[in-house]
C-alpha atoms as a PDB file:
ATOM      1  CA  MET A   1      -2.532  15.572   6.266  1.00  0.00           C
ATOM      2  CA  ALA A   2      -1.591  18.092   3.582  1.00  0.00           C
ATOM      3  CA  ASN A   3      -4.697  20.194   4.269  1.00  0.00           C
ATOM      4  CA  SER A   4      -5.391  20.112   0.553  1.00  0.00           C
ATOM      5  CA  ARG A   5      -8.748  19.083  -0.884  1.00  0.00           C
ATOM      6  CA  ILE A   6      -7.055  18.123  -4.163  1.00  0.00           C
ATOM      7  CA  MET A   7      -4.520  15.862  -2.431  1.00  0.00           C
ATOM      8  CA  GLU A   8      -7.223  14.345  -0.249  1.00  0.00           C
ATOM      9  CA  GLU A   9      -9.358  13.512  -3.292  1.00  0.00           C
ATOM     10  CA  ALA A  10      -6.373  12.138  -5.236  1.00  0.00           C
ATOM     11  CA  SER A  11      -5.376   9.976  -2.267  1.00  0.00           C
ATOM     12  CA  GLN A  12      -8.893   8.627  -1.906  1.00  0.00           C
ATOM     13  CA  ARG A  13      -8.992   7.691  -5.590  1.00  0.00           C
ATOM     14  CA  MET A  14      -5.624   5.923  -5.276  1.00  0.00           C
ATOM     15  CA  TRP A  15      -6.796   4.001  -2.190  1.00  0.00           C
ATOM     16  CA  ASP A  16      -9.988   2.978  -3.954  1.00  0.00           C
ATOM     17  CA  LEU A  17      -8.056   1.795  -7.007  1.00  0.00           C
ATOM     18  CA  SER A  18      -5.563  -0.053  -4.823  1.00  0.00           C
ATOM     19  CA  ASP A  19      -8.367  -1.829  -2.977  1.00  0.00           C
ATOM     20  CA  PHE A  20      -9.986  -2.743  -6.282  1.00  0.00           C
ATOM     21  CA  LEU A  21      -6.772  -4.166  -7.743  1.00  0.00           C
ATOM     22  CA  ILE A  22      -5.921  -6.124  -4.597  1.00  0.00           C
ATOM     23  CA  ASN A  23      -9.426  -7.541  -4.288  1.00  0.00           C
ATOM     24  CA  THR A  24      -9.540  -8.640  -7.923  1.00  0.00           C
ATOM     25  CA  ALA A  25      -6.190 -10.438  -7.768  1.00  0.00           C
ATOM     26  CA  GLY A  26      -7.972 -13.793  -7.641  1.00  0.00           C
ATOM     27  CA  ILE A  27      -6.968 -14.532  -4.057  1.00  0.00           C
ATOM     28  CA  SER A  28      -9.637 -15.443  -1.528  1.00  0.00           C
ATOM     29  CA  ASN A  29      -8.267 -13.323   1.340  1.00  0.00           C
ATOM     30  CA  PRO A  30      -5.506 -11.084  -0.038  1.00  0.00           C
ATOM     31  CA  LEU A  31      -2.892  -9.690   2.372  1.00  0.00           C
ATOM     32  CA  SER A  32      -4.581 -11.206   5.441  1.00  0.00           C
ATOM     33  CA  ASP A  33      -1.272 -12.485   6.836  1.00  0.00           C
ATOM     34  CA  ALA A  34       0.561  -9.240   6.066  1.00  0.00           C
ATOM     35  CA  ILE A  35      -1.568  -6.668   7.887  1.00  0.00           C
ATOM     36  CA  PRO A  36       1.010  -5.827  10.588  1.00  0.00           C
ATOM     37  CA  GLN A  37       3.752  -5.230   8.003  1.00  0.00           C
ATOM     38  CA  ARG A  38       1.441  -3.198   5.770  1.00  0.00           C
ATOM     39  CA  GLN A  39       0.491  -1.022   8.770  1.00  0.00           C
ATOM     40  CA  CYS A  40       4.162  -0.533   9.646  1.00  0.00           C
ATOM     41  CA  ASP A  41       4.770   0.578   6.050  1.00  0.00           C
ATOM     42  CA  HIS A  42       1.900   3.061   6.284  1.00  0.00           C
ATOM     43  CA  GLU A  43       3.314   4.507   9.490  1.00  0.00           C
ATOM     44  CA  ALA A  44       6.761   4.934   7.890  1.00  0.00           C
ATOM     45  CA  ILE A  45       5.238   6.680   4.871  1.00  0.00           C
ATOM     46  CA  ALA A  46       3.170   9.003   7.067  1.00  0.00           C
ATOM     47  CA  ALA A  47       6.193   9.820   9.245  1.00  0.00           C
ATOM     48  CA  ALA A  48       8.291  10.720   6.203  1.00  0.00           C
ATOM     49  CA  ILE A  49       5.494  12.971   4.925  1.00  0.00           C
ATOM     50  CA  ARG A  50       5.116  14.603   8.342  1.00  0.00           C
ATOM     51  CA  ASP A  51       8.880  15.190   8.379  1.00  0.00           C
ATOM     52  CA  ARG A  52       8.648  16.634   4.862  1.00  0.00           C
ATOM     53  CA  ASP A  53      11.280  14.160   3.672  1.00  0.00           C
ATOM     54  CA  GLU A  54      10.147  13.640   0.108  1.00  0.00           C
ATOM     55  CA  ASN A  55      12.942  11.226  -0.774  1.00  0.00           C
ATOM     56  CA  LEU A  56      12.237   9.000   2.220  1.00  0.00           C
ATOM     57  CA  ALA A  57       8.480   9.170   1.587  1.00  0.00           C
ATOM     58  CA  ARG A  58       8.963   8.248  -2.069  1.00  0.00           C
ATOM     59  CA  GLU A  59      11.241   5.320  -1.214  1.00  0.00           C
ATOM     60  CA  ALA A  60       8.977   4.093   1.583  1.00  0.00           C
ATOM     61  CA  MET A  61       6.000   4.190  -0.789  1.00  0.00           C
ATOM     62  CA  ARG A  62       7.967   2.414  -3.523  1.00  0.00           C
ATOM     63  CA  GLN A  63       8.983  -0.334  -1.103  1.00  0.00           C
ATOM     64  CA  HIS A  64       5.405  -0.619   0.146  1.00  0.00           C
ATOM     65  CA  ILE A  65       4.042  -1.069  -3.368  1.00  0.00           C
ATOM     66  CA  LEU A  66       6.715  -3.590  -4.354  1.00  0.00           C
ATOM     67  CA  GLY A  67       6.203  -5.471  -1.095  1.00  0.00           C
ATOM     68  CA  THR A  68       2.455  -5.605  -1.622  1.00  0.00           C
ATOM     69  CA  VAL A  69       2.889  -6.945  -5.156  1.00  0.00           C
ATOM     70  CA  ALA A  70       5.327  -9.595  -3.882  1.00  0.00           C
ATOM     71  CA  ILE A  71       2.922 -10.684  -1.144  1.00  0.00           C
ATOM     72  CA  ILE A  72       0.007 -10.966  -3.552  1.00  0.00           C
ATOM     73  CA  ASP A  73       2.151 -12.880  -6.033  1.00  0.00           C
ATOM     74  CA  GLY A  74       3.275 -15.257  -3.287  1.00  0.00           C
ATOM     75  CA  GLU A  75      -0.284 -15.783  -2.091  1.00  0.00           C
ATOM     76  CA  ARG A  76      -1.478 -16.408  -5.640  1.00  0.00           C
ATOM     77  CA  ARG A  77       1.247 -19.031  -6.137  1.00  0.00           C
ATOM     78  CA  SER A  78       0.375 -20.701  -2.811  1.00  0.00           C
ATOM     79  CA  GLU A  79      -3.301 -20.955  -3.716  1.00  0.00           C
ATOM     80  CA  SER A  80      -2.576 -22.448  -7.125  1.00  0.00           C
ATOM     81  CA  ALA A  81      -0.138 -25.039  -5.714  1.00  0.00           C
END
């Protein structure tokens, strides 16, 4: 998207780390019920980047991360109940 090898490599490392952290959260099928919302978040982040709106992109990413953590926490609590 940014046409930058450095940004592409950094993004790939972040995605890999994110996948690792999500998949080691101790939940049998993490985020399975939240895929549509996660995809909507991704689209909002990409749109803000395309529009070069750094504040909106930053906030959309922050909300995405916090939302993901909340979902995983909720799923973890449901499995342990």
